[in-house]
Amino acid sequence: MLKVLILCLLPFSLLAKENSIKLIDVKTLESTIMVKMNYFTTDNFVGVVVDGYKANTCLLSKPAATALARAQVLAQKKNLSLLVHDCYRPQRGVDHFIRWSNDAKDIKTKKKYYPNIIKNKLFKLGYIATKSGHSRGSTVDLTLYDLKKKTSMEMGTIYDFLDPLSNTINFNISKEAQSNRQILVDLMATAGFKNYSKEWWHFTLNDEPNKNIYLDIIIK
């Protein structure tokens, strides 16, 4: 019932298309993919659980989920695993980011996530968008996990660090981190994803479906 109510709030031109869109849990295709959806926790740049995140579940379009499963197989051949931090993002989650960015008094996460940027400039600088590719269901945020060392690989910054240091190519981070970022980019490219140059963790399926659709289905 809740899903139906959400869909009814959308413009009619989007409704028919959205009814035919299916998001699937990536673990149904590849159970070994590690999932830690940060927006389902308070460990994120907003500092609270984000609207629309009711489960620690990575949902993607079937083509994107299939490609991500391929990427996991490639990672495992290197004794690594994918560690996913965000997948499909409901539009209400994006709207939550917008409200947060307009609240100048809420800076409790500034030191950890955006120490060098004024929060109301995050949209202009391309770190947050009013319409996110995540809401189309074929974009994923992730890192690599070392299965031997049992720890995430060094990437130079934490996930969602809103700063030029997070640019995929950045020479102000360690050589190890630069190399690890390139390993991630190459692995994901082989599986069919392209990287967003300002965020080393952000990848979108090359031939993504639903390019003009922004979904608002709750993750549960």
N, C-alpha and C. Protein backbone atom coordinates (compact mmCIF):
# COMPACT_ATOMS: atom_id res chain seq x y z
N MET A 1 0.83 -1.20 0.00
CA MET A 1 0.00 0.00 0.00
C MET A 1 0.86 1.25 0.00
N LEU A 2 1.93 1.24 0.82
CA LEU A 2 2.80 2.41 0.91
C LEU A 2 3.44 2.72 -0.44
N LYS A 3 3.89 1.68 -1.13
CA LYS A 3 4.50 1.87 -2.44
C LYS A 3 3.50 2.50 -3.40
N VAL A 4 2.26 2.05 -3.37
CA VAL A 4 1.23 2.60 -4.26
C VAL A 4 1.02 4.07 -3.97
N LEU A 5 0.97 4.43 -2.68
CA LEU A 5 0.76 5.83 -2.31
C LEU A 5 1.90 6.69 -2.80
N ILE A 6 3.12 6.20 -2.70
CA ILE A 6 4.27 6.95 -3.17
C ILE A 6 4.18 7.19 -4.66
N LEU A 7 3.85 6.16 -5.39
CA LEU A 7 3.78 6.29 -6.84
C LEU A 7 2.71 7.28 -7.26
N CYS A 8 1.62 7.33 -6.52
CA CYS A 8 0.53 8.21 -6.88
C CYS A 8 0.89 9.69 -6.73
N LEU A 9 1.93 9.96 -6.00
CA LEU A 9 2.36 11.35 -5.83
C LEU A 9 3.20 11.84 -7.00
N LEU A 10 3.63 10.92 -7.85
CA LEU A 10 4.49 11.29 -8.96
C LEU A 10 3.67 11.78 -10.15
N PRO A 11 4.30 12.60 -11.03
CA PRO A 11 3.62 13.03 -12.25
C PRO A 11 3.18 11.82 -13.06
N PHE A 12 2.02 11.93 -13.72
CA PHE A 12 1.48 10.80 -14.47
C PHE A 12 2.45 10.32 -15.54
N SER A 13 3.21 11.25 -16.14
CA SER A 13 4.14 10.87 -17.21
C SER A 13 5.21 9.92 -16.71
N LEU A 14 5.50 9.95 -15.40
CA LEU A 14 6.50 9.06 -14.85
C LEU A 14 5.87 7.78 -14.31
N LEU A 15 4.60 7.82 -13.98
CA LEU A 15 3.96 6.73 -13.26
C LEU A 15 3.97 5.43 -14.05
N ALA A 16 3.57 5.48 -15.31
CA ALA A 16 3.50 4.26 -16.11
C ALA A 16 4.87 3.62 -16.27
N LYS A 17 5.88 4.47 -16.46
CA LYS A 17 7.23 3.93 -16.62
C LYS A 17 7.72 3.33 -15.32
N GLU A 18 7.44 4.00 -14.21
CA GLU A 18 7.94 3.51 -12.93
C GLU A 18 7.32 2.18 -12.55
N ASN A 19 6.06 1.97 -12.92
CA ASN A 19 5.40 0.71 -12.60
C ASN A 19 6.11 -0.48 -13.24
N SER A 20 6.84 -0.25 -14.31
CA SER A 20 7.53 -1.33 -15.01
C SER A 20 8.98 -1.49 -14.56
N ILE A 21 9.43 -0.64 -13.63
CA ILE A 21 10.81 -0.69 -13.17
C ILE A 21 10.92 -1.61 -11.96
N LYS A 22 11.89 -2.51 -12.01
CA LYS A 22 12.09 -3.43 -10.90
C LYS A 22 13.47 -3.23 -10.32
N LEU A 23 13.52 -3.00 -9.02
CA LEU A 23 14.78 -2.91 -8.30
C LEU A 23 14.99 -4.23 -7.57
N ILE A 24 16.21 -4.75 -7.61
CA ILE A 24 16.46 -6.03 -6.95
C ILE A 24 17.60 -5.89 -5.94
N ASP A 25 17.56 -6.74 -4.93
CA ASP A 25 18.61 -6.80 -3.91
C ASP A 25 19.83 -7.47 -4.53
N VAL A 26 20.98 -6.79 -4.53
CA VAL A 26 22.16 -7.35 -5.20
C VAL A 26 22.59 -8.67 -4.57
N LYS A 27 22.28 -8.88 -3.29
CA LYS A 27 22.69 -10.11 -2.64
C LYS A 27 21.94 -11.33 -3.16
N THR A 28 20.84 -11.11 -3.85
CA THR A 28 20.15 -12.25 -4.45
C THR A 28 20.91 -12.77 -5.67
N LEU A 29 21.80 -11.94 -6.21
CA LEU A 29 22.62 -12.36 -7.34
C LEU A 29 24.02 -12.76 -6.91
N GLU A 30 24.54 -12.08 -5.89
CA GLU A 30 25.89 -12.38 -5.39
C GLU A 30 25.92 -12.12 -3.89
N SER A 31 25.78 -13.18 -3.12
CA SER A 31 25.61 -13.06 -1.67
C SER A 31 26.86 -12.58 -0.95
N THR A 32 28.03 -12.67 -1.60
CA THR A 32 29.28 -12.32 -0.92
C THR A 32 29.57 -10.81 -0.95
N ILE A 33 28.80 -10.04 -1.70
CA ILE A 33 29.01 -8.59 -1.71
C ILE A 33 28.71 -8.05 -0.32
N MET A 34 29.63 -7.26 0.21
CA MET A 34 29.47 -6.69 1.54
C MET A 34 28.68 -5.39 1.45
N VAL A 35 27.71 -5.22 2.34
CA VAL A 35 26.82 -4.05 2.28
C VAL A 35 26.79 -3.34 3.63
N LYS A 36 27.19 -2.08 3.64
CA LYS A 36 27.04 -1.21 4.81
C LYS A 36 26.47 0.11 4.31
N MET A 37 25.16 0.19 4.31
CA MET A 37 24.48 1.38 3.80
C MET A 37 24.58 2.49 4.85
N ASN A 38 25.48 3.42 4.64
CA ASN A 38 25.74 4.45 5.65
C ASN A 38 24.53 5.32 5.94
N TYR A 39 23.65 5.51 4.96
CA TYR A 39 22.50 6.37 5.19
C TYR A 39 21.41 5.67 6.00
N PHE A 40 21.59 4.38 6.25
CA PHE A 40 20.71 3.63 7.15
C PHE A 40 21.21 3.75 8.59
N THR A 41 22.36 4.42 8.76
CA THR A 41 22.95 4.64 10.07
C THR A 41 23.11 6.15 10.29
N THR A 42 23.68 6.52 11.44
CA THR A 42 23.98 7.94 11.69
C THR A 42 25.40 8.28 11.28
N ASP A 43 26.14 7.29 10.76
CA ASP A 43 27.53 7.51 10.33
C ASP A 43 27.55 7.99 8.88
N ASN A 44 27.15 9.25 8.69
CA ASN A 44 27.13 9.86 7.37
C ASN A 44 27.19 11.38 7.52
N PHE A 45 27.31 12.10 6.42
CA PHE A 45 27.55 13.54 6.52
C PHE A 45 26.34 14.32 7.04
N VAL A 46 25.15 13.71 7.01
CA VAL A 46 23.97 14.35 7.58
C VAL A 46 23.92 14.14 9.10
N GLY A 47 24.44 13.00 9.55
CA GLY A 47 24.52 12.72 10.97
C GLY A 47 23.30 12.04 11.57
N VAL A 48 22.33 11.68 10.71
CA VAL A 48 21.13 10.97 11.14
C VAL A 48 20.77 9.95 10.07
N VAL A 49 19.87 9.02 10.41
CA VAL A 49 19.36 8.10 9.39
C VAL A 49 18.60 8.91 8.35
N VAL A 50 18.90 8.68 7.09
CA VAL A 50 18.34 9.48 6.00
C VAL A 50 16.95 8.97 5.62
N ASP A 51 16.06 9.89 5.28
CA ASP A 51 14.69 9.54 4.90
C ASP A 51 14.67 8.50 3.77
N GLY A 52 13.85 7.49 3.94
CA GLY A 52 13.68 6.48 2.89
C GLY A 52 14.53 5.24 3.08
N TYR A 53 15.46 5.28 4.04
CA TYR A 53 16.34 4.13 4.29
C TYR A 53 15.82 3.36 5.50
N LYS A 54 15.09 2.28 5.25
CA LYS A 54 14.49 1.49 6.30
C LYS A 54 15.15 0.11 6.44
N ALA A 55 16.21 -0.13 5.67
CA ALA A 55 16.90 -1.42 5.74
C ALA A 55 18.32 -1.27 5.19
N ASN A 56 19.19 -2.16 5.62
CA ASN A 56 20.57 -2.20 5.12
C ASN A 56 20.59 -3.05 3.85
N THR A 57 19.96 -2.53 2.81
CA THR A 57 19.76 -3.29 1.58
C THR A 57 20.22 -2.49 0.37
N CYS A 58 21.01 -3.12 -0.47
CA CYS A 58 21.48 -2.48 -1.71
C CYS A 58 20.56 -2.89 -2.86
N LEU A 59 19.71 -1.97 -3.28
CA LEU A 59 18.82 -2.20 -4.41
C LEU A 59 19.39 -1.54 -5.66
N LEU A 60 19.30 -2.23 -6.78
CA LEU A 60 19.73 -1.69 -8.07
C LEU A 60 18.82 -2.22 -9.17
N SER A 61 18.86 -1.57 -10.32
CA SER A 61 18.20 -2.13 -11.49
C SER A 61 18.85 -3.48 -11.78
N LYS A 62 18.13 -4.35 -12.46
CA LYS A 62 18.69 -5.68 -12.73
C LYS A 62 19.99 -5.61 -13.53
N PRO A 63 20.08 -4.76 -14.59
CA PRO A 63 21.35 -4.69 -15.31
C PRO A 63 22.51 -4.24 -14.43
N ALA A 64 22.26 -3.28 -13.55
CA ALA A 64 23.33 -2.78 -12.68
C ALA A 64 23.71 -3.83 -11.64
N ALA A 65 22.72 -4.51 -11.08
CA ALA A 65 22.99 -5.56 -10.10
C ALA A 65 23.78 -6.70 -10.72
N THR A 66 23.44 -7.04 -11.94
CA THR A 66 24.15 -8.11 -12.65
C THR A 66 25.60 -7.72 -12.89
N ALA A 67 25.82 -6.46 -13.29
CA ALA A 67 27.17 -5.97 -13.52
C ALA A 67 27.96 -5.91 -12.22
N LEU A 68 27.30 -5.53 -11.13
CA LEU A 68 27.98 -5.46 -9.84
C LEU A 68 28.40 -6.85 -9.37
N ALA A 69 27.56 -7.84 -9.65
CA ALA A 69 27.92 -9.22 -9.33
C ALA A 69 29.17 -9.64 -10.10
N ARG A 70 29.29 -9.21 -11.36
CA ARG A 70 30.49 -9.50 -12.14
C ARG A 70 31.70 -8.83 -11.50
N ALA A 71 31.53 -7.61 -11.04
CA ALA A 71 32.63 -6.89 -10.41
C ALA A 71 33.10 -7.61 -9.15
N GLN A 72 32.16 -8.18 -8.40
CA GLN A 72 32.53 -8.92 -7.19
C GLN A 72 33.37 -10.15 -7.53
N VAL A 73 33.02 -10.84 -8.58
CA VAL A 73 33.80 -12.01 -9.01
C VAL A 73 35.22 -11.58 -9.37
N LEU A 74 35.35 -10.46 -10.07
CA LEU A 74 36.67 -9.93 -10.41
C LEU A 74 37.46 -9.55 -9.16
N ALA A 75 36.78 -8.94 -8.21
CA ALA A 75 37.45 -8.53 -6.96
C ALA A 75 37.95 -9.75 -6.20
N GLN A 76 37.15 -10.80 -6.13
CA GLN A 76 37.52 -11.98 -5.38
C GLN A 76 38.75 -12.66 -5.96
N LYS A 77 38.96 -12.53 -7.25
CA LYS A 77 40.16 -13.09 -7.87
C LYS A 77 41.42 -12.39 -7.39
N LYS A 78 41.26 -11.20 -6.80
CA LYS A 78 42.38 -10.44 -6.24
C LYS A 78 42.39 -10.53 -4.71
N ASN A 79 41.62 -11.48 -4.17
CA ASN A 79 41.46 -11.62 -2.72
C ASN A 79 40.85 -10.37 -2.09
N LEU A 80 39.93 -9.74 -2.83
CA LEU A 80 39.24 -8.54 -2.37
C LEU A 80 37.73 -8.78 -2.42
N SER A 81 37.00 -7.86 -1.81
CA SER A 81 35.54 -7.87 -1.91
C SER A 81 35.06 -6.44 -2.11
N LEU A 82 33.94 -6.30 -2.76
CA LEU A 82 33.27 -5.01 -2.81
C LEU A 82 32.63 -4.74 -1.46
N LEU A 83 32.73 -3.51 -0.99
CA LEU A 83 32.04 -3.06 0.22
C LEU A 83 31.18 -1.87 -0.19
N VAL A 84 29.88 -2.10 -0.26
CA VAL A 84 28.95 -1.11 -0.81
C VAL A 84 28.42 -0.20 0.30
N HIS A 85 28.40 1.12 0.02
CA HIS A 85 27.90 2.10 0.99
C HIS A 85 26.59 2.76 0.57
N ASP A 86 26.27 2.77 -0.72
CA ASP A 86 24.98 3.29 -1.17
C ASP A 86 24.69 2.75 -2.55
N CYS A 87 23.41 2.54 -2.82
CA CYS A 87 22.98 2.03 -4.13
C CYS A 87 21.82 2.90 -4.60
N TYR A 88 20.66 2.29 -4.81
CA TYR A 88 19.48 3.10 -5.11
C TYR A 88 19.18 4.01 -3.93
N ARG A 89 18.84 5.27 -4.23
CA ARG A 89 18.53 6.27 -3.20
C ARG A 89 17.17 6.88 -3.49
N PRO A 90 16.20 6.73 -2.59
CA PRO A 90 14.88 7.35 -2.81
C PRO A 90 14.99 8.86 -2.96
N GLN A 91 14.13 9.45 -3.77
CA GLN A 91 14.13 10.90 -3.94
C GLN A 91 13.94 11.61 -2.61
N ARG A 92 13.18 11.02 -1.69
CA ARG A 92 12.98 11.65 -0.38
C ARG A 92 14.30 11.75 0.39
N GLY A 93 15.24 10.84 0.11
CA GLY A 93 16.56 10.92 0.71
C GLY A 93 17.33 12.11 0.17
N VAL A 94 17.22 12.34 -1.14
CA VAL A 94 17.84 13.51 -1.76
C VAL A 94 17.23 14.78 -1.19
N ASP A 95 15.92 14.79 -1.03
CA ASP A 95 15.24 15.96 -0.45
C ASP A 95 15.72 16.22 0.97
N HIS A 96 16.01 15.15 1.70
CA HIS A 96 16.57 15.28 3.04
C HIS A 96 17.92 15.99 2.99
N PHE A 97 18.76 15.64 2.03
CA PHE A 97 20.05 16.31 1.86
C PHE A 97 19.86 17.81 1.60
N ILE A 98 18.86 18.14 0.79
CA ILE A 98 18.60 19.54 0.46
C ILE A 98 18.22 20.32 1.72
N ARG A 99 17.33 19.76 2.52
CA ARG A 99 16.93 20.42 3.77
C ARG A 99 18.13 20.61 4.69
N TRP A 100 18.94 19.58 4.78
CA TRP A 100 20.13 19.64 5.63
C TRP A 100 21.09 20.74 5.17
N SER A 101 21.29 20.83 3.87
CA SER A 101 22.25 21.82 3.35
C SER A 101 21.78 23.25 3.60
N ASN A 102 20.48 23.44 3.72
CA ASN A 102 19.93 24.78 3.96
C ASN A 102 19.88 25.15 5.44
N ASP A 103 20.25 24.22 6.31
CA ASP A 103 20.26 24.49 7.75
C ASP A 103 21.68 24.86 8.17
N ALA A 104 21.97 26.14 8.18
CA ALA A 104 23.33 26.62 8.45
C ALA A 104 23.79 26.28 9.87
N LYS A 105 22.87 26.05 10.78
CA LYS A 105 23.24 25.79 12.17
C LYS A 105 23.69 24.34 12.41
N ASP A 106 23.30 23.46 11.52
CA ASP A 106 23.64 22.04 11.70
C ASP A 106 25.00 21.75 11.07
N ILE A 107 26.04 21.80 11.87
CA ILE A 107 27.39 21.54 11.36
C ILE A 107 28.09 20.48 12.21
N LYS A 108 27.32 19.59 12.82
CA LYS A 108 27.91 18.59 13.71
C LYS A 108 28.83 17.61 13.00
N THR A 109 28.67 17.43 11.70
CA THR A 109 29.53 16.48 10.98
C THR A 109 30.60 17.18 10.14
N LYS A 110 30.69 18.50 10.26
CA LYS A 110 31.61 19.26 9.40
C LYS A 110 33.06 18.80 9.54
N LYS A 111 33.54 18.64 10.74
CA LYS A 111 34.94 18.28 10.97
C LYS A 111 35.30 16.98 10.27
N LYS A 112 34.40 16.02 10.30
CA LYS A 112 34.69 14.70 9.73
C LYS A 112 34.46 14.64 8.23
N TYR A 113 33.41 15.30 7.73
CA TYR A 113 33.00 15.08 6.34
C TYR A 113 33.23 16.24 5.38
N TYR A 114 33.26 17.48 5.85
CA TYR A 114 33.46 18.60 4.92
C TYR A 114 34.17 19.76 5.63
N PRO A 115 35.35 19.53 6.18
CA PRO A 115 36.04 20.53 6.99
C PRO A 115 36.44 21.79 6.23
N ASN A 116 36.59 21.70 4.92
CA ASN A 116 37.11 22.82 4.14
C ASN A 116 36.09 23.49 3.24
N ILE A 117 34.83 23.09 3.37
CA ILE A 117 33.79 23.61 2.48
C ILE A 117 32.59 24.09 3.28
N ILE A 118 32.03 25.24 2.90
CA ILE A 118 30.80 25.73 3.51
C ILE A 118 29.65 24.89 2.95
N LYS A 119 28.80 24.39 3.82
CA LYS A 119 27.83 23.38 3.41
C LYS A 119 26.87 23.86 2.33
N ASN A 120 26.52 25.14 2.30
CA ASN A 120 25.58 25.60 1.27
C ASN A 120 26.23 25.71 -0.11
N LYS A 121 27.52 25.41 -0.20
CA LYS A 121 28.20 25.40 -1.49
C LYS A 121 28.36 23.99 -2.05
N LEU A 122 27.89 23.00 -1.30
CA LEU A 122 28.08 21.61 -1.72
C LEU A 122 27.37 21.28 -3.02
N PHE A 123 26.22 21.92 -3.29
CA PHE A 123 25.51 21.69 -4.55
C PHE A 123 26.28 22.31 -5.71
N LYS A 124 26.70 23.56 -5.54
CA LYS A 124 27.42 24.26 -6.61
C LYS A 124 28.71 23.54 -6.98
N LEU A 125 29.36 22.93 -6.00
CA LEU A 125 30.63 22.25 -6.23
C LEU A 125 30.45 20.82 -6.72
N GLY A 126 29.22 20.35 -6.83
CA GLY A 126 28.96 19.05 -7.43
C GLY A 126 29.01 17.87 -6.49
N TYR A 127 28.99 18.11 -5.17
CA TYR A 127 29.02 17.01 -4.22
C TYR A 127 27.63 16.49 -3.90
N ILE A 128 26.62 17.33 -4.02
CA ILE A 128 25.23 16.94 -3.81
C ILE A 128 24.41 17.49 -4.97
N ALA A 129 23.40 16.73 -5.40
CA ALA A 129 22.55 17.17 -6.50
C ALA A 129 21.09 17.13 -6.07
N THR A 130 20.28 18.02 -6.61
CA THR A 130 18.85 18.01 -6.30
C THR A 130 18.15 16.80 -6.92
N LYS A 131 18.73 16.28 -8.00
CA LYS A 131 18.27 15.04 -8.62
C LYS A 131 19.49 14.15 -8.76
N SER A 132 19.49 13.03 -8.08
CA SER A 132 20.66 12.16 -8.05
C SER A 132 20.52 10.97 -8.98
N GLY A 133 21.62 10.61 -9.65
CA GLY A 133 21.63 9.41 -10.46
C GLY A 133 21.34 8.16 -9.64
N HIS A 134 21.61 8.22 -8.34
CA HIS A 134 21.30 7.09 -7.47
C HIS A 134 19.81 6.76 -7.52
N SER A 135 18.97 7.77 -7.69
CA SER A 135 17.52 7.56 -7.67
C SER A 135 17.02 6.89 -8.95
N ARG A 136 17.90 6.70 -9.92
CA ARG A 136 17.53 5.97 -11.13
C ARG A 136 17.81 4.47 -11.00
N GLY A 137 18.58 4.10 -9.97
CA GLY A 137 18.76 2.69 -9.68
C GLY A 137 19.95 2.00 -10.31
N SER A 138 20.87 2.76 -10.92
CA SER A 138 22.02 2.12 -11.55
C SER A 138 23.34 2.75 -11.15
N THR A 139 23.35 3.44 -10.03
CA THR A 139 24.57 4.06 -9.49
C THR A 139 24.86 3.46 -8.13
N VAL A 140 26.14 3.24 -7.86
CA VAL A 140 26.54 2.61 -6.61
C VAL A 140 27.77 3.33 -6.05
N ASP A 141 27.81 3.47 -4.72
CA ASP A 141 28.98 3.99 -4.01
C ASP A 141 29.62 2.83 -3.28
N LEU A 142 30.93 2.66 -3.44
CA LEU A 142 31.55 1.49 -2.84
C LEU A 142 33.05 1.66 -2.71
N THR A 143 33.65 0.75 -1.95
CA THR A 143 35.10 0.69 -1.80
C THR A 143 35.51 -0.77 -1.90
N LEU A 144 36.80 -1.03 -1.65
CA LEU A 144 37.32 -2.39 -1.69
C LEU A 144 37.72 -2.84 -0.28
N TYR A 145 37.47 -4.10 0.00
CA TYR A 145 37.78 -4.70 1.29
C TYR A 145 38.81 -5.80 1.08
N ASP A 146 39.91 -5.77 1.84
CA ASP A 146 40.97 -6.76 1.74
C ASP A 146 40.57 -7.99 2.55
N LEU A 147 40.32 -9.11 1.87
CA LEU A 147 39.84 -10.30 2.54
C LEU A 147 40.92 -10.96 3.40
N LYS A 148 42.19 -10.76 3.07
CA LYS A 148 43.27 -11.33 3.87
C LYS A 148 43.49 -10.52 5.14
N LYS A 149 43.56 -9.19 4.98
CA LYS A 149 43.81 -8.32 6.13
C LYS A 149 42.55 -8.04 6.93
N LYS A 150 41.40 -8.35 6.32
CA LYS A 150 40.10 -8.12 6.96
C LYS A 150 39.90 -6.65 7.34
N THR A 151 40.14 -5.81 6.36
CA THR A 151 39.95 -4.37 6.56
C THR A 151 39.73 -3.70 5.21
N SER A 152 39.10 -2.54 5.23
CA SER A 152 38.93 -1.78 3.99
C SER A 152 40.28 -1.30 3.49
N MET A 153 40.44 -1.22 2.19
CA MET A 153 41.70 -0.76 1.62
C MET A 153 41.84 0.75 1.81
N GLU A 154 43.06 1.21 1.89
CA GLU A 154 43.34 2.64 2.06
C GLU A 154 43.02 3.38 0.77
N MET A 155 42.12 4.36 0.85
CA MET A 155 41.70 5.10 -0.33
C MET A 155 42.02 6.60 -0.23
N GLY A 156 42.68 7.00 0.83
CA GLY A 156 43.08 8.41 0.92
C GLY A 156 42.11 9.29 1.67
N THR A 157 40.84 8.95 1.62
CA THR A 157 39.79 9.65 2.39
C THR A 157 38.75 8.62 2.80
N ILE A 158 37.91 9.00 3.75
CA ILE A 158 36.77 8.17 4.07
C ILE A 158 35.71 8.32 2.97
N TYR A 159 34.77 7.41 2.96
CA TYR A 159 33.62 7.53 2.06
C TYR A 159 32.84 8.80 2.37
N ASP A 160 32.41 9.50 1.32
CA ASP A 160 31.60 10.72 1.44
C ASP A 160 32.36 11.89 2.05
N PHE A 161 33.69 11.88 1.95
CA PHE A 161 34.46 13.04 2.37
C PHE A 161 34.31 14.09 1.27
N LEU A 162 33.62 15.17 1.57
CA LEU A 162 33.24 16.16 0.56
C LEU A 162 34.35 17.20 0.44
N ASP A 163 35.29 16.91 -0.46
CA ASP A 163 36.52 17.70 -0.54
C ASP A 163 37.27 17.30 -1.81
N PRO A 164 38.06 18.21 -2.38
CA PRO A 164 38.86 17.84 -3.56
C PRO A 164 39.77 16.64 -3.34
N LEU A 165 40.12 16.33 -2.09
CA LEU A 165 40.93 15.13 -1.85
C LEU A 165 40.23 13.86 -2.31
N SER A 166 38.91 13.94 -2.45
CA SER A 166 38.14 12.77 -2.90
C SER A 166 38.09 12.65 -4.42
N ASN A 167 38.60 13.63 -5.14
CA ASN A 167 38.70 13.49 -6.59
C ASN A 167 39.43 12.19 -6.89
N THR A 168 38.94 11.42 -7.81
CA THR A 168 39.53 10.11 -8.08
C THR A 168 41.02 10.21 -8.37
N ILE A 169 41.40 11.18 -9.16
CA ILE A 169 42.82 11.44 -9.41
C ILE A 169 43.25 12.61 -8.55
N ASN A 170 44.05 12.33 -7.55
CA ASN A 170 44.54 13.36 -6.64
C ASN A 170 45.93 12.95 -6.16
N PHE A 171 46.90 13.82 -6.38
CA PHE A 171 48.28 13.48 -6.05
C PHE A 171 48.69 13.91 -4.65
N ASN A 172 47.73 14.38 -3.87
CA ASN A 172 48.02 14.78 -2.49
C ASN A 172 47.70 13.67 -1.49
N ILE A 173 47.39 12.50 -1.98
CA ILE A 173 47.18 11.34 -1.12
C ILE A 173 48.35 10.38 -1.33
N SER A 174 48.45 9.37 -0.50
CA SER A 174 49.58 8.44 -0.57
C SER A 174 49.59 7.66 -1.89
N LYS A 175 50.75 7.17 -2.25
CA LYS A 175 50.89 6.34 -3.45
C LYS A 175 50.01 5.09 -3.34
N GLU A 176 49.95 4.54 -2.13
CA GLU A 176 49.12 3.35 -1.92
C GLU A 176 47.66 3.66 -2.21
N ALA A 177 47.18 4.79 -1.71
CA ALA A 177 45.79 5.16 -1.93
C ALA A 177 45.52 5.44 -3.41
N GLN A 178 46.45 6.11 -4.08
CA GLN A 178 46.30 6.36 -5.51
C GLN A 178 46.19 5.04 -6.27
N SER A 179 47.04 4.09 -5.90
CA SER A 179 47.03 2.79 -6.57
C SER A 179 45.72 2.05 -6.29
N ASN A 180 45.25 2.10 -5.06
CA ASN A 180 44.02 1.39 -4.71
C ASN A 180 42.80 1.99 -5.41
N ARG A 181 42.78 3.31 -5.55
CA ARG A 181 41.69 3.94 -6.30
C ARG A 181 41.69 3.45 -7.74
N GLN A 182 42.88 3.34 -8.32
CA GLN A 182 42.96 2.90 -9.72
C GLN A 182 42.53 1.46 -9.86
N ILE A 183 42.86 0.62 -8.87
CA ILE A 183 42.40 -0.77 -8.89
C ILE A 183 40.87 -0.82 -8.91
N LEU A 184 40.25 0.01 -8.08
CA LEU A 184 38.78 0.05 -8.03
C LEU A 184 38.20 0.53 -9.35
N VAL A 185 38.77 1.60 -9.90
CA VAL A 185 38.28 2.15 -11.17
C VAL A 185 38.39 1.10 -12.28
N ASP A 186 39.55 0.44 -12.36
CA ASP A 186 39.76 -0.55 -13.43
C ASP A 186 38.82 -1.74 -13.28
N LEU A 187 38.64 -2.19 -12.05
CA LEU A 187 37.76 -3.32 -11.79
C LEU A 187 36.32 -3.00 -12.19
N MET A 188 35.86 -1.83 -11.78
CA MET A 188 34.49 -1.44 -12.09
C MET A 188 34.30 -1.17 -13.59
N ALA A 189 35.31 -0.61 -14.22
CA ALA A 189 35.24 -0.36 -15.66
C ALA A 189 35.11 -1.68 -16.42
N THR A 190 35.86 -2.68 -16.01
CA THR A 190 35.79 -3.99 -16.64
C THR A 190 34.39 -4.59 -16.52
N ALA A 191 33.73 -4.29 -15.41
CA ALA A 191 32.37 -4.80 -15.19
C ALA A 191 31.29 -3.96 -15.85
N GLY A 192 31.68 -2.78 -16.40
CA GLY A 192 30.71 -1.98 -17.15
C GLY A 192 30.28 -0.69 -16.49
N PHE A 193 31.05 -0.19 -15.51
CA PHE A 193 30.71 1.04 -14.81
C PHE A 193 31.71 2.15 -15.12
N LYS A 194 31.23 3.39 -15.05
CA LYS A 194 32.10 4.55 -15.19
C LYS A 194 32.13 5.33 -13.88
N ASN A 195 33.27 5.90 -13.58
CA ASN A 195 33.48 6.62 -12.33
C ASN A 195 33.14 8.10 -12.48
N TYR A 196 32.67 8.71 -11.37
CA TYR A 196 32.47 10.16 -11.29
C TYR A 196 33.75 10.76 -10.75
N SER A 197 34.36 11.66 -11.50
CA SER A 197 35.73 12.10 -11.21
C SER A 197 35.89 12.81 -9.87
N LYS A 198 34.83 13.34 -9.30
CA LYS A 198 34.94 14.06 -8.02
C LYS A 198 34.79 13.15 -6.81
N GLU A 199 34.40 11.89 -7.05
CA GLU A 199 34.17 10.96 -5.95
C GLU A 199 34.73 9.59 -6.33
N TRP A 200 35.82 9.20 -5.72
CA TRP A 200 36.47 7.93 -6.09
C TRP A 200 35.55 6.72 -5.89
N TRP A 201 34.53 6.86 -5.05
CA TRP A 201 33.65 5.74 -4.69
C TRP A 201 32.42 5.61 -5.58
N HIS A 202 32.16 6.56 -6.48
CA HIS A 202 30.88 6.71 -7.17
C HIS A 202 30.96 6.16 -8.59
N PHE A 203 30.09 5.18 -8.91
CA PHE A 203 30.11 4.53 -10.23
C PHE A 203 28.69 4.36 -10.76
N THR A 204 28.55 4.58 -12.07
CA THR A 204 27.25 4.44 -12.75
C THR A 204 27.39 3.46 -13.91
N LEU A 205 26.42 2.60 -14.08
CA LEU A 205 26.42 1.64 -15.18
C LEU A 205 26.47 2.39 -16.51
N ASN A 206 27.35 1.97 -17.41
CA ASN A 206 27.51 2.66 -18.69
C ASN A 206 26.20 2.75 -19.47
N ASP A 207 25.50 1.66 -19.56
CA ASP A 207 24.25 1.62 -20.32
C ASP A 207 23.07 1.55 -19.36
N GLU A 208 22.99 2.52 -18.46
CA GLU A 208 21.94 2.47 -17.44
C GLU A 208 20.55 2.64 -18.06
N PRO A 209 19.58 1.89 -17.56
CA PRO A 209 18.19 2.10 -17.97
C PRO A 209 17.58 3.25 -17.19
N ASN A 210 16.39 3.66 -17.54
CA ASN A 210 15.60 4.62 -16.75
C ASN A 210 16.31 5.97 -16.57
N LYS A 211 16.95 6.47 -17.63
CA LYS A 211 17.79 7.67 -17.49
C LYS A 211 17.01 8.92 -17.11
N ASN A 212 15.72 8.95 -17.36
CA ASN A 212 14.94 10.15 -17.05
C ASN A 212 13.96 9.94 -15.91
N ILE A 213 14.14 8.85 -15.17
CA ILE A 213 13.22 8.51 -14.09
C ILE A 213 13.93 8.64 -12.75
N TYR A 214 13.27 9.28 -11.78
CA TYR A 214 13.80 9.40 -10.43
C TYR A 214 12.78 8.78 -9.47
N LEU A 215 13.16 7.68 -8.86
CA LEU A 215 12.23 6.89 -8.07
C LEU A 215 12.18 7.35 -6.61
N ASP A 216 11.07 7.07 -5.95
CA ASP A 216 10.92 7.41 -4.54
C ASP A 216 10.31 6.24 -3.79
N ILE A 217 10.80 5.05 -4.06
CA ILE A 217 10.36 3.84 -3.37
C ILE A 217 11.24 3.63 -2.15
N ILE A 218 10.63 3.46 -1.00
CA ILE A 218 11.37 3.30 0.25
C ILE A 218 12.17 1.99 0.24
N ILE A 219 13.38 2.04 0.78
CA ILE A 219 14.21 0.85 0.92
C ILE A 219 13.79 0.12 2.19
N LYS A 220 13.30 -1.10 2.04
CA LYS A 220 12.85 -1.85 3.21
C LYS A 220 12.94 -3.35 2.96
